[in-house]
Amino acid sequence: MKKLFLAMMLILGLLSCGKSGVGGKSISFNMEAEPNSLDPQLTSDMGGFIITDMAYEGLLRLNEKNEIVPASAESWKVSDDGKVWTLTLRKNLKWSNGDPIKAQDYYNAIKRGIDPETPSEYAFITYYIKGAEDYNTGKIKDFNQVGVKVKDDYTIEFTLSKPAAYFGKTLVMPIYFPVNEKALAANKDKYASEADKSVYNGPYIIKKWVHDNKVVLEKNPNYWNAGNIKINQITALMVPDFDTATNLFKNKELGVTRASIEKSAEFKGKPELRKVSNGRLYYLAFNQKIPALKSKKVREALALAINRDDLVEKVLNGGGVKTTGVVADQMRGISKEFREENGDLYAAYKNVDVKKLFDEGLKEEGLTPDKVHLTLTVDEKGTGKREAEFYQSQWKEKLGIDVQVEVLTYKERLSRGKEGNFEIIRSVWGPDYADAMTYLEIFASNGLNIAKNKNPEYDKLIEEGKVITDNEKRMQTLEKAEKILANDFVYSGLYYELAMYLVDPKIENVTLRAVGSKINFNKADVKSK
């Protein structure tokens, strides 16, 4: 009731102020919730990523194809051994207060971000850098032992502990955004806690932050590429309820918002609706400590018994795309997307007799169907319960077994997964950076491998894929690894989630992506008519 009241007050407030979702060179969009922080070294949620990506700028950015391109750094080079990255800054960079931006500002940001006293949730993304993890965990105290060096005012150098061809893609994360030392010293622990307690180097300046309501950004005239920024003002509203947000969109109070699957149905076939992969992979993990699940044939039968077409159409109502592997789309491969190049890894199993396979697997383990008592663990968020009932019915119909369903809170489900305390669990993973490795590394023995799977060949390929610098060879290595993972059936993809966006047709070239800042207006414009 309280949420409904607040939502109605927001609508009335917007209408009374006469604000428009699109007007002139201004846009309003829905960032959905109050960010946990707008301090680049501290932010860890999507709202924070979106706003800091507009107000600050890293050394590199992602383009519309999720490829790294120059940003504050005009160029970069990588040593022959792949371990030393040297980036050269543009000479005309200025903070929004007019101060010149130097390599030292980026050095200071990294030092601050991985300082053990700084509660940065994304410090781990810097661990490719030599000594970064040891400094962050307090094993070493001297930052000079970390592989970050200022060579001169316009050159910064990173030395990695081992080659990582995708390191540049991690440099787009906010933890690498620069810090203005004067602003930090003046505001101390209040730094970046309000709009006027920081200075900015990105395309926009944060002019107003009304907590739990909105963030207003205006074009930064000191931004090096200001001449190509078309939108003068952006208002980010915080509307967590998608039905309320859809009503605001229909009332022209929002120019861009996510919508629920149910509400987006109203816009089917209309130019306003955009279905965008948000990069989130939903999958099943099988605990091999359970007698029946020791058998690959049993795991394979359980995975293949699920009709993914019916899942996405009848259960998710079009809110997903069936998996063809574990790596989602929007991840670059050799010349196309990785997903397209590695193909449908489950297609080869389409004619498998799952009941026969299931019974064979049980027999090999000395079991019969009546002795199989499995539990599927899901969380209560979104479609979790509805999906569980669907999987339950599929296994009953095709394999003749009754699988119990355990519905937990999201937090409890995460905890169970980390502990390995489950039999079959539905889990989810979203990308941290724009590379296939962000998915594949979590399933390695030393990754976030909740099923505790151990496949030496897979592990070897993942480690090779981390250090190979030739992109074609690296992608071929990762393709082999994904095929092994799919064939083991310890993990089995279910679907890639789709985000339903509503975008005013007047807005051109807004970027909606699966990784990093999910909404970007750097190339956006508003049609005059």
Protein backbone atom coordinates (compact mmCIF):
# COMPACT_ATOMS: atom_id res chain seq x y z
CA MET A 1 0.00 0.00 0.00
CA LYS A 2 2.84 2.33 0.88
CA LYS A 3 4.53 1.57 -2.48
CA LEU A 4 1.31 2.34 -4.35
CA PHE A 5 0.88 5.63 -2.47
CA LEU A 6 4.46 6.68 -3.24
CA ALA A 7 4.06 5.73 -6.89
CA MET A 8 0.88 7.79 -7.20
CA MET A 9 2.54 10.76 -5.49
CA LEU A 10 5.39 10.50 -8.00
CA ILE A 11 2.96 10.54 -10.93
CA LEU A 12 1.03 13.51 -9.51
CA GLY A 13 4.27 15.35 -8.81
CA LEU A 14 5.50 14.86 -12.35
CA LEU A 15 2.24 15.88 -13.91
CA SER A 16 1.91 18.96 -11.75
CA CYS A 17 5.42 20.06 -12.74
CA GLY A 18 4.62 19.58 -16.43
CA LYS A 19 7.74 17.46 -16.97
CA SER A 20 8.02 15.56 -20.23
CA GLY A 21 9.73 12.27 -20.94
CA VAL A 22 11.04 13.69 -24.23
CA GLY A 23 11.19 17.35 -25.14
CA GLY A 24 13.64 19.50 -27.04
CA LYS A 25 17.00 18.00 -26.20
CA SER A 26 15.89 16.52 -22.87
CA ILE A 27 15.07 12.94 -21.93
CA SER A 28 13.64 11.27 -18.84
CA PHE A 29 14.31 7.58 -18.25
CA ASN A 30 13.64 5.09 -15.49
CA MET A 31 16.68 3.99 -13.46
CA GLU A 32 14.22 2.03 -11.27
CA ALA A 33 15.73 2.49 -7.79
CA GLU A 34 17.89 4.68 -5.61
CA PRO A 35 21.53 3.74 -6.33
CA ASN A 36 23.47 2.39 -3.40
CA SER A 37 26.12 5.00 -4.22
CA LEU A 38 27.19 7.41 -6.95
CA ASP A 39 30.80 7.14 -5.85
CA PRO A 40 32.53 5.28 -8.71
CA GLN A 41 34.75 3.31 -6.37
CA LEU A 42 31.78 2.22 -4.25
CA THR A 43 28.81 1.78 -6.58
CA SER A 44 27.75 -1.79 -7.26
CA ASP A 45 24.17 -1.68 -8.56
CA MET A 46 22.72 -1.01 -11.97
CA GLY A 47 21.46 2.50 -11.20
CA GLY A 48 24.89 3.47 -9.93
CA PHE A 49 26.57 1.99 -13.01
CA ILE A 50 24.29 3.92 -15.37
CA ILE A 51 24.68 7.31 -13.66
CA THR A 52 28.42 7.10 -12.99
CA ASP A 53 28.97 6.00 -16.60
CA MET A 54 27.38 9.29 -17.71
CA ALA A 55 29.04 11.53 -15.12
CA TYR A 56 32.55 10.05 -15.23
CA GLU A 57 34.67 8.51 -17.91
CA GLY A 58 37.20 5.72 -17.75
CA LEU A 59 40.23 5.20 -19.91
CA LEU A 60 38.21 3.06 -22.33
CA ARG A 61 34.53 2.63 -23.21
CA LEU A 62 32.37 0.00 -24.87
CA ASN A 63 30.83 0.80 -28.24
CA GLU A 64 27.48 -0.47 -29.49
CA LYS A 65 29.08 -3.84 -30.35
CA ASN A 66 30.57 -4.18 -26.84
CA GLU A 67 34.07 -3.62 -28.22
CA ILE A 68 36.52 -1.45 -26.29
CA VAL A 69 37.20 1.93 -27.88
CA PRO A 70 39.19 5.00 -26.82
CA ALA A 71 37.66 7.25 -24.18
CA SER A 72 39.86 9.40 -21.93
CA ALA A 73 42.75 7.35 -23.30
CA GLU A 74 43.26 8.10 -26.98
CA SER A 75 45.32 4.95 -27.54
CA TRP A 76 46.78 1.90 -25.86
CA LYS A 77 49.31 -0.80 -26.55
CA VAL A 78 49.95 -4.24 -25.10
CA SER A 79 53.38 -5.82 -24.70
CA ASP A 80 54.29 -8.90 -26.73
CA ASP A 81 53.89 -11.10 -23.65
CA GLY A 82 50.40 -9.64 -22.99
CA LYS A 83 51.24 -8.56 -19.44
CA VAL A 84 51.92 -4.82 -19.78
CA TRP A 85 49.16 -2.44 -20.90
CA THR A 86 50.21 1.15 -21.59
CA LEU A 87 47.50 3.76 -22.13
CA THR A 88 48.03 7.31 -23.38
CA LEU A 89 45.56 10.01 -22.28
CA ARG A 90 44.22 12.79 -24.46
CA LYS A 91 45.93 16.14 -23.88
CA ASN A 92 42.80 18.31 -23.64
CA LEU A 93 40.99 16.57 -20.77
CA LYS A 94 39.36 18.73 -18.08
CA TRP A 95 37.29 18.16 -14.99
CA SER A 96 33.94 19.92 -14.83
CA ASN A 97 35.55 22.55 -12.56
CA GLY A 98 38.22 23.28 -15.16
CA ASP A 99 41.08 21.35 -13.55
CA PRO A 100 43.25 19.42 -16.01
CA ILE A 101 42.92 15.62 -15.88
CA LYS A 102 46.17 13.71 -15.61
CA ALA A 103 47.20 10.07 -15.40
CA GLN A 104 47.65 10.56 -11.66
CA ASP A 105 43.86 10.96 -11.28
CA TYR A 106 43.38 7.43 -12.62
CA TYR A 107 46.22 6.08 -10.49
CA ASN A 108 44.64 7.65 -7.39
CA ALA A 109 41.27 6.09 -8.24
CA ILE A 110 42.68 2.57 -8.46
CA LYS A 111 44.65 3.02 -5.26
CA ARG A 112 41.52 4.26 -3.49
CA GLY A 113 39.33 1.52 -4.98
CA ILE A 114 41.44 -1.37 -3.74
CA ASP A 115 42.47 0.17 -0.42
CA PRO A 116 41.35 -2.29 2.29
CA GLU A 117 39.65 0.66 4.05
CA THR A 118 37.47 1.34 1.01
CA PRO A 119 34.40 -0.93 1.03
CA SER A 120 34.47 -1.54 -2.72
CA GLU A 121 32.50 -4.58 -3.82
CA TYR A 122 34.19 -4.50 -7.23
CA ALA A 123 37.80 -4.51 -6.06
CA PHE A 124 38.02 -8.08 -7.35
CA ILE A 125 37.78 -6.87 -10.95
CA THR A 126 41.27 -5.35 -10.56
CA TYR A 127 42.88 -8.60 -9.44
CA TYR A 128 44.36 -9.18 -12.90
CA ILE A 129 46.85 -6.43 -11.95
CA LYS A 130 50.03 -7.66 -10.29
CA GLY A 131 49.76 -7.27 -6.51
CA ALA A 132 46.21 -5.84 -6.56
CA GLU A 133 44.61 -8.72 -4.69
CA ASP A 134 47.39 -8.80 -2.09
CA TYR A 135 47.06 -5.07 -1.50
CA ASN A 136 43.26 -5.27 -1.29
CA THR A 137 43.38 -8.12 1.21
CA GLY A 138 46.12 -6.50 3.30
CA LYS A 139 48.86 -9.00 2.50
CA ILE A 140 51.03 -6.16 1.25
CA LYS A 141 50.89 -2.57 2.53
CA ASP A 142 52.95 -0.71 -0.06
CA PHE A 143 50.93 0.31 -3.14
CA ASN A 144 54.21 0.73 -5.02
CA GLN A 145 54.27 -3.08 -5.19
CA VAL A 146 51.05 -3.02 -7.23
CA GLY A 147 51.43 -3.06 -11.01
CA VAL A 148 50.11 0.45 -11.64
CA LYS A 149 52.58 3.16 -12.67
CA VAL A 150 52.29 6.77 -13.83
CA LYS A 151 54.91 7.12 -16.54
CA ASP A 152 54.19 10.83 -17.14
CA ASP A 153 51.20 13.21 -17.00
CA TYR A 154 49.52 11.45 -19.90
CA THR A 155 50.68 7.84 -19.62
CA ILE A 156 49.58 5.12 -17.21
CA GLU A 157 50.90 1.57 -17.22
CA PHE A 158 49.35 -1.63 -15.88
CA THR A 159 51.43 -4.76 -15.29
CA LEU A 160 49.35 -7.92 -14.97
CA SER A 161 50.28 -10.99 -12.98
CA LYS A 162 49.66 -13.01 -16.15
CA PRO A 163 48.31 -12.17 -19.61
CA ALA A 164 44.58 -11.45 -19.89
CA ALA A 165 43.51 -10.49 -23.39
CA TYR A 166 40.20 -9.14 -22.10
CA PHE A 167 41.74 -6.88 -19.42
CA GLY A 168 40.81 -3.80 -21.45
CA LYS A 169 37.14 -4.73 -21.15
CA THR A 170 37.40 -4.58 -17.35
CA LEU A 171 38.72 -1.00 -17.54
CA VAL A 172 35.21 0.25 -18.36
CA MET A 173 34.09 -0.56 -14.79
CA PRO A 174 33.44 2.42 -12.44
CA ILE A 175 36.17 1.39 -10.00
CA TYR A 176 38.64 2.61 -12.65
CA PHE A 177 36.98 6.04 -13.06
CA PRO A 178 39.27 8.91 -11.99
CA VAL A 179 39.20 10.81 -8.70
CA ASN A 180 39.63 14.57 -8.38
CA GLU A 181 41.88 14.85 -5.33
CA LYS A 182 40.74 18.38 -4.44
CA ALA A 183 37.09 17.30 -4.37
CA LEU A 184 37.97 14.20 -2.34
CA ALA A 185 39.99 16.23 0.17
CA ALA A 186 37.27 18.89 0.50
CA ASN A 187 34.41 16.42 1.02
CA LYS A 188 36.23 13.57 2.79
CA ASP A 189 33.73 10.83 3.75
CA LYS A 190 30.90 12.83 2.12
CA TYR A 191 32.60 12.62 -1.28
CA ALA A 192 30.10 11.89 -4.07
CA SER A 193 27.27 11.54 -1.53
CA GLU A 194 25.42 14.51 -3.09
CA ALA A 195 25.46 16.16 -6.51
CA ASP A 196 27.65 19.05 -5.32
CA LYS A 197 30.19 16.88 -3.49
CA SER A 198 32.12 15.72 -6.53
CA VAL A 199 33.37 17.02 -9.85
CA TYR A 200 32.94 15.15 -13.09
CA ASN A 201 34.84 14.25 -16.24
CA GLY A 202 32.14 12.46 -18.24
CA PRO A 203 29.63 13.64 -20.84
CA TYR A 204 27.29 14.89 -18.08
CA ILE A 205 27.40 16.67 -14.73
CA ILE A 206 25.13 15.59 -11.88
CA LYS A 207 23.19 18.78 -11.11
CA LYS A 208 20.62 17.42 -8.70
CA TRP A 209 20.15 14.25 -6.69
CA VAL A 210 16.80 14.01 -4.91
CA HIS A 211 17.26 10.80 -2.96
CA ASP A 212 14.69 8.07 -3.64
CA ASN A 213 13.21 10.25 -6.38
CA LYS A 214 15.48 11.34 -9.23
CA VAL A 215 18.92 12.32 -10.51
CA VAL A 216 19.19 15.24 -12.95
CA LEU A 217 22.19 15.44 -15.27
CA GLU A 218 23.23 18.25 -17.61
CA LYS A 219 25.68 18.24 -20.50
CA ASN A 220 29.27 18.84 -19.39
CA PRO A 221 30.77 21.66 -21.52
CA ASN A 222 34.29 20.63 -20.45
CA TYR A 223 33.91 17.07 -21.75
CA TRP A 224 36.46 16.41 -24.49
CA ASN A 225 33.78 15.18 -26.92
CA ALA A 226 31.00 17.60 -25.91
CA GLY A 227 30.43 18.61 -29.53
CA ASN A 228 29.05 15.14 -30.29
CA ILE A 229 26.76 14.93 -27.23
CA LYS A 230 23.28 15.86 -28.47
CA ILE A 231 21.15 15.58 -25.32
CA ASN A 232 21.37 18.61 -23.00
CA GLN A 233 19.53 17.27 -19.96
CA ILE A 234 18.75 13.79 -18.69
CA THR A 235 16.45 13.04 -15.76
CA ALA A 236 16.73 9.61 -14.20
CA LEU A 237 13.59 8.72 -12.24
CA MET A 238 13.41 5.99 -9.62
CA VAL A 239 10.25 4.00 -10.32
CA PRO A 240 10.65 0.40 -9.12
CA ASP A 241 7.15 -0.70 -10.11
CA PHE A 242 7.12 -1.49 -13.83
CA ASP A 243 3.35 -1.04 -14.13
CA THR A 244 3.65 2.48 -12.73
CA ALA A 245 6.59 3.14 -15.03
CA THR A 246 4.59 1.94 -18.05
CA ASN A 247 1.79 4.34 -17.16
CA LEU A 248 4.31 7.17 -16.92
CA PHE A 249 5.63 6.17 -20.34
CA LYS A 250 2.13 6.18 -21.83
CA ASN A 251 1.54 9.61 -20.25
CA LYS A 252 4.75 10.89 -21.91
CA GLU A 253 6.43 11.34 -18.51
CA LEU A 254 9.18 8.82 -19.32
CA GLY A 255 11.07 8.41 -22.56
CA VAL A 256 12.75 5.10 -21.72
CA THR A 257 11.80 2.43 -19.19
CA ARG A 258 11.78 -1.28 -18.64
CA ALA A 259 8.32 -2.85 -18.59
CA SER A 260 6.89 -6.04 -17.18
CA ILE A 261 6.19 -8.90 -19.59
CA GLU A 262 2.46 -8.42 -19.00
CA LYS A 263 2.51 -4.66 -19.68
CA SER A 264 4.86 -4.93 -22.63
CA ALA A 265 2.24 -7.12 -24.35
CA GLU A 266 0.25 -3.92 -24.95
CA PHE A 267 3.03 -2.73 -27.25
CA LYS A 268 3.53 -5.93 -29.24
CA GLY A 269 4.32 -5.05 -32.85
CA LYS A 270 4.79 -1.35 -32.06
CA PRO A 271 8.05 0.58 -32.49
CA GLU A 272 8.12 1.52 -28.80
CA LEU A 273 8.86 -2.05 -27.69
CA ARG A 274 12.43 -3.33 -27.72
CA LYS A 275 13.36 -6.79 -26.49
CA VAL A 276 16.97 -6.75 -25.36
CA SER A 277 19.07 -9.57 -24.01
CA ASN A 278 20.19 -8.49 -20.58
CA GLY A 279 22.94 -11.10 -20.51
CA ARG A 280 21.51 -13.08 -17.60
CA LEU A 281 21.87 -16.85 -17.94
CA TYR A 282 19.44 -19.08 -16.01
CA TYR A 283 20.66 -22.62 -15.60
CA LEU A 284 20.33 -25.85 -13.63
CA ALA A 285 23.17 -27.21 -11.52
CA PHE A 286 23.25 -30.88 -10.50
CA ASN A 287 24.95 -32.03 -7.28
CA GLN A 288 27.01 -35.11 -8.17
CA LYS A 289 27.18 -36.20 -4.53
CA ILE A 290 23.58 -37.35 -4.86
CA PRO A 291 23.63 -41.05 -5.92
CA ALA A 292 21.32 -40.69 -8.93
CA LEU A 293 23.09 -37.53 -10.13
CA LYS A 294 26.49 -39.18 -10.25
CA SER A 295 25.35 -40.59 -13.58
CA LYS A 296 25.92 -38.35 -16.57
CA LYS A 297 23.07 -40.15 -18.35
CA VAL A 298 20.65 -39.24 -15.56
CA ARG A 299 21.75 -35.60 -15.56
CA GLU A 300 21.49 -35.50 -19.33
CA ALA A 301 17.98 -36.97 -19.26
CA LEU A 302 16.83 -34.47 -16.61
CA ALA A 303 18.24 -31.58 -18.63
CA LEU A 304 16.91 -32.72 -22.01
CA ALA A 305 13.46 -33.63 -20.70
CA ILE A 306 12.69 -29.90 -20.39
CA ASN A 307 11.11 -28.43 -23.50
CA ARG A 308 12.87 -25.04 -23.72
CA ASP A 309 10.52 -23.79 -26.44
CA ASP A 310 7.51 -24.31 -24.18
CA LEU A 311 9.46 -22.83 -21.28
CA VAL A 312 10.10 -19.47 -22.95
CA GLU A 313 6.73 -19.21 -24.68
CA LYS A 314 4.27 -20.66 -22.17
CA VAL A 315 6.00 -20.09 -18.84
CA LEU A 316 8.07 -16.96 -19.47
CA ASN A 317 5.55 -15.52 -21.94
CA GLY A 318 8.31 -14.55 -24.34
CA GLY A 319 10.51 -13.07 -21.62
CA GLY A 320 13.49 -15.21 -22.55
CA VAL A 321 15.34 -17.04 -25.29
CA LYS A 322 16.16 -20.72 -24.94
CA THR A 323 19.82 -21.42 -24.31
CA THR A 324 22.11 -22.90 -26.92
CA GLY A 325 25.09 -22.95 -24.53
CA VAL A 326 26.05 -21.02 -21.40
CA VAL A 327 27.49 -17.89 -23.05
CA ALA A 328 24.76 -15.38 -23.89
CA ASP A 329 24.74 -13.11 -26.93
CA GLN A 330 26.40 -9.68 -27.19
CA MET A 331 29.78 -11.29 -26.46
CA ARG A 332 32.25 -10.84 -29.31
CA GLY A 333 33.83 -13.92 -30.86
CA ILE A 334 36.28 -13.98 -33.78
CA SER A 335 34.36 -12.05 -36.43
CA LYS A 336 30.79 -12.47 -35.16
CA GLU A 337 29.19 -12.99 -31.77
CA PHE A 338 30.61 -15.89 -29.77
CA ARG A 339 27.17 -17.46 -29.45
CA GLU A 340 26.60 -17.50 -33.18
CA GLU A 341 30.05 -18.89 -33.92
CA ASN A 342 29.87 -21.73 -31.40
CA GLY A 343 26.34 -22.67 -32.43
CA ASP A 344 23.61 -24.60 -30.63
CA LEU A 345 25.39 -27.05 -28.36
CA TYR A 346 22.18 -28.85 -27.44
CA ALA A 347 20.98 -29.45 -31.02
CA ALA A 348 22.91 -32.73 -31.26
CA TYR A 349 20.76 -34.20 -28.47
CA LYS A 350 17.34 -33.37 -29.94
CA ASN A 351 16.52 -36.98 -30.86
CA VAL A 352 17.67 -38.55 -27.61
CA ASP A 353 15.18 -40.93 -25.94
CA VAL A 354 15.33 -39.31 -22.50
CA LYS A 355 13.39 -42.07 -20.69
CA LYS A 356 15.65 -44.79 -22.06
CA LEU A 357 18.72 -42.72 -21.18
CA PHE A 358 17.37 -42.06 -17.69
CA ASP A 359 16.67 -45.73 -16.97
CA GLU A 360 20.10 -46.76 -18.29
CA GLY A 361 21.79 -44.25 -16.03
CA LEU A 362 19.88 -45.40 -12.97
CA LYS A 363 20.62 -49.05 -13.71
CA GLU A 364 24.35 -48.28 -13.92
CA GLU A 365 24.11 -46.72 -10.46
CA GLY A 366 22.09 -49.69 -9.11
CA LEU A 367 18.91 -47.63 -8.81
CA THR A 368 15.32 -47.83 -10.04
CA PRO A 369 12.94 -44.90 -10.65
CA ASP A 370 11.00 -45.63 -7.46
CA LYS A 371 14.21 -45.13 -5.47
CA VAL A 372 14.84 -41.65 -6.92
CA HIS A 373 13.69 -38.84 -4.62
CA LEU A 374 15.08 -35.52 -5.85
CA THR A 375 14.46 -31.93 -4.76
CA LEU A 376 14.65 -28.87 -6.99
CA THR A 377 15.60 -25.63 -5.23
CA VAL A 378 14.50 -22.27 -6.66
CA ASP A 379 14.03 -18.77 -5.28
CA GLU A 380 10.81 -16.83 -5.06
CA LYS A 381 11.87 -13.96 -7.33
CA GLY A 382 10.16 -13.46 -10.67
CA THR A 383 9.04 -16.65 -12.38
CA GLY A 384 10.98 -19.03 -10.10
CA LYS A 385 7.97 -20.85 -8.64
CA ARG A 386 6.16 -21.06 -11.98
CA GLU A 387 9.26 -22.45 -13.67
CA ALA A 388 9.72 -25.04 -10.93
CA GLU A 389 6.21 -26.34 -11.43
CA PHE A 390 6.89 -26.63 -15.17
CA TYR A 391 10.15 -28.57 -14.66
CA GLN A 392 8.39 -30.77 -12.12
CA SER A 393 5.64 -31.63 -14.61
CA GLN A 394 8.14 -32.28 -17.41
CA TRP A 395 10.09 -34.76 -15.28
CA LYS A 396 6.91 -36.49 -14.18
CA GLU A 397 5.57 -36.76 -17.73
CA LYS A 398 8.77 -37.81 -19.50
CA LEU A 399 10.79 -39.62 -16.83
CA GLY A 400 8.06 -40.85 -14.51
CA ILE A 401 9.54 -39.35 -11.33
CA ASP A 402 8.14 -37.00 -8.70
CA VAL A 403 10.58 -34.19 -7.92
CA GLN A 404 9.91 -32.08 -4.85
CA VAL A 405 10.18 -28.29 -5.13
CA GLU A 406 11.79 -26.11 -2.49
CA VAL A 407 11.09 -22.35 -2.82
CA LEU A 408 13.49 -20.10 -0.89
CA THR A 409 14.14 -16.41 -0.62
CA TYR A 410 16.71 -15.08 -3.08
CA LYS A 411 19.24 -14.64 -0.27
CA GLU A 412 18.69 -18.20 1.00
CA ARG A 413 19.01 -19.64 -2.49
CA LEU A 414 22.33 -17.83 -2.98
CA SER A 415 23.56 -19.17 0.34
CA ARG A 416 22.54 -22.75 -0.48
CA GLY A 417 24.31 -22.52 -3.82
CA LYS A 418 27.55 -21.28 -2.27
CA GLU A 419 27.41 -24.03 0.35
CA GLY A 420 26.66 -26.75 -2.21
CA ASN A 421 23.62 -27.61 -0.10
CA PHE A 422 21.19 -28.69 -2.83
CA GLU A 423 20.34 -31.56 -5.14
CA ILE A 424 19.18 -29.67 -8.24
CA ILE A 425 19.19 -25.88 -8.14
CA ARG A 426 18.06 -23.18 -10.55
CA SER A 427 20.66 -20.45 -10.56
CA VAL A 428 21.49 -17.31 -12.53
CA TRP A 429 24.58 -15.46 -13.67
CA GLY A 430 24.97 -12.02 -15.24
CA PRO A 431 28.11 -10.80 -17.03
CA ASP A 432 30.66 -8.58 -15.29
CA TYR A 433 32.48 -7.67 -18.50
CA ALA A 434 31.92 -8.05 -22.24
CA ASP A 435 33.71 -11.32 -22.94
CA ALA A 436 32.72 -14.99 -23.08
CA MET A 437 35.14 -15.64 -20.22
CA THR A 438 32.82 -13.85 -17.78
CA TYR A 439 30.49 -16.86 -18.10
CA LEU A 440 32.91 -19.71 -18.63
CA GLU A 441 35.31 -18.97 -15.78
CA ILE A 442 32.62 -19.39 -13.11
CA PHE A 443 32.25 -23.09 -13.98
CA ALA A 444 35.96 -23.88 -13.54
CA SER A 445 37.18 -25.68 -10.42
CA ASN A 446 38.51 -22.43 -8.97
CA GLY A 447 35.51 -20.37 -10.07
CA LEU A 448 32.07 -19.80 -8.57
CA ASN A 449 31.43 -23.46 -9.29
CA ILE A 450 28.40 -24.23 -7.09
CA ALA A 451 28.14 -27.85 -8.29
CA LYS A 452 31.82 -28.35 -7.40
CA ASN A 453 32.44 -29.87 -10.83
CA LYS A 454 36.00 -30.95 -11.63
CA ASN A 455 36.99 -31.49 -15.22
CA PRO A 456 40.78 -31.12 -15.71
CA GLU A 457 40.44 -30.67 -19.46
CA TYR A 458 37.90 -27.86 -19.00
CA ASP A 459 40.05 -26.17 -16.35
CA LYS A 460 43.10 -26.36 -18.63
CA LEU A 461 41.24 -24.71 -21.50
CA ILE A 462 39.94 -21.93 -19.25
CA GLU A 463 43.42 -21.17 -17.93
CA GLU A 464 44.76 -21.18 -21.50
CA GLY A 465 41.92 -18.90 -22.57
CA LYS A 466 42.93 -16.40 -19.91
CA VAL A 467 46.47 -15.98 -21.17
CA ILE A 468 46.28 -16.49 -24.97
CA THR A 469 46.65 -13.08 -26.62
CA ASP A 470 45.71 -14.07 -30.19
CA ASN A 471 41.94 -13.50 -30.29
CA GLU A 472 41.18 -16.21 -32.86
CA LYS A 473 43.10 -18.87 -30.93
CA ARG A 474 41.61 -17.70 -27.64
CA MET A 475 38.05 -17.90 -28.94
CA GLN A 476 38.66 -21.35 -30.41
CA THR A 477 39.92 -22.44 -26.99
CA LEU A 478 36.85 -21.03 -25.24
CA GLU A 479 34.57 -22.68 -27.80
CA LYS A 480 36.12 -26.07 -26.98
CA ALA A 481 35.67 -25.39 -23.28
CA GLU A 482 31.98 -24.53 -23.67
CA LYS A 483 31.37 -27.72 -25.65
CA ILE A 484 32.97 -29.80 -22.88
CA LEU A 485 30.84 -28.03 -20.29
CA ALA A 486 27.66 -28.65 -22.25
CA ASN A 487 28.51 -32.32 -22.76
CA ASP A 488 29.19 -32.93 -19.04
CA PHE A 489 25.62 -31.95 -18.08
CA VAL A 490 26.66 -30.92 -14.57
CA TYR A 491 25.31 -27.55 -15.63
CA SER A 492 22.58 -27.08 -18.18
CA GLY A 493 21.36 -23.78 -19.60
CA LEU A 494 17.66 -23.02 -19.46
CA TYR A 495 17.19 -19.57 -20.99
CA TYR A 496 18.72 -16.16 -21.53
CA GLU A 497 16.57 -13.50 -19.97
CA LEU A 498 15.12 -10.73 -22.12
CA ALA A 499 14.54 -7.21 -20.83
CA MET A 500 11.45 -5.48 -22.21
CA TYR A 501 12.18 -1.81 -22.87
CA LEU A 502 9.79 0.90 -23.96
CA VAL A 503 11.52 3.68 -25.91
CA ASP A 504 9.80 6.79 -27.25
CA PRO A 505 10.11 6.66 -31.06
CA LYS A 506 11.42 10.23 -31.00
CA ILE A 507 14.59 9.04 -29.29
CA GLU A 508 17.28 7.85 -31.67
CA ASN A 509 20.44 5.84 -30.98
CA VAL A 510 19.97 5.09 -27.31
CA THR A 511 22.22 2.11 -26.48
CA LEU A 512 20.67 -0.78 -24.54
CA ARG A 513 23.15 -3.50 -23.67
CA ALA A 514 23.65 -6.64 -21.63
CA VAL A 515 26.81 -5.67 -19.77
CA GLY A 516 28.19 -2.68 -17.90
CA SER A 517 25.96 0.38 -18.01
CA LYS A 518 22.79 -1.06 -19.53
CA ILE A 519 21.48 2.31 -20.80
CA ASN A 520 23.69 4.87 -22.52
CA PHE A 521 22.79 8.17 -24.19
CA ASN A 522 26.20 9.24 -25.54
CA LYS A 523 25.04 8.90 -29.16
CA ALA A 524 21.36 9.57 -28.54
CA ASP A 525 19.36 12.36 -30.10
CA VAL A 526 15.74 13.49 -30.18
CA LYS A 527 13.98 13.87 -33.51
CA SER A 528 12.79 17.41 -34.16
CA LYS A 529 9.49 16.10 -35.55
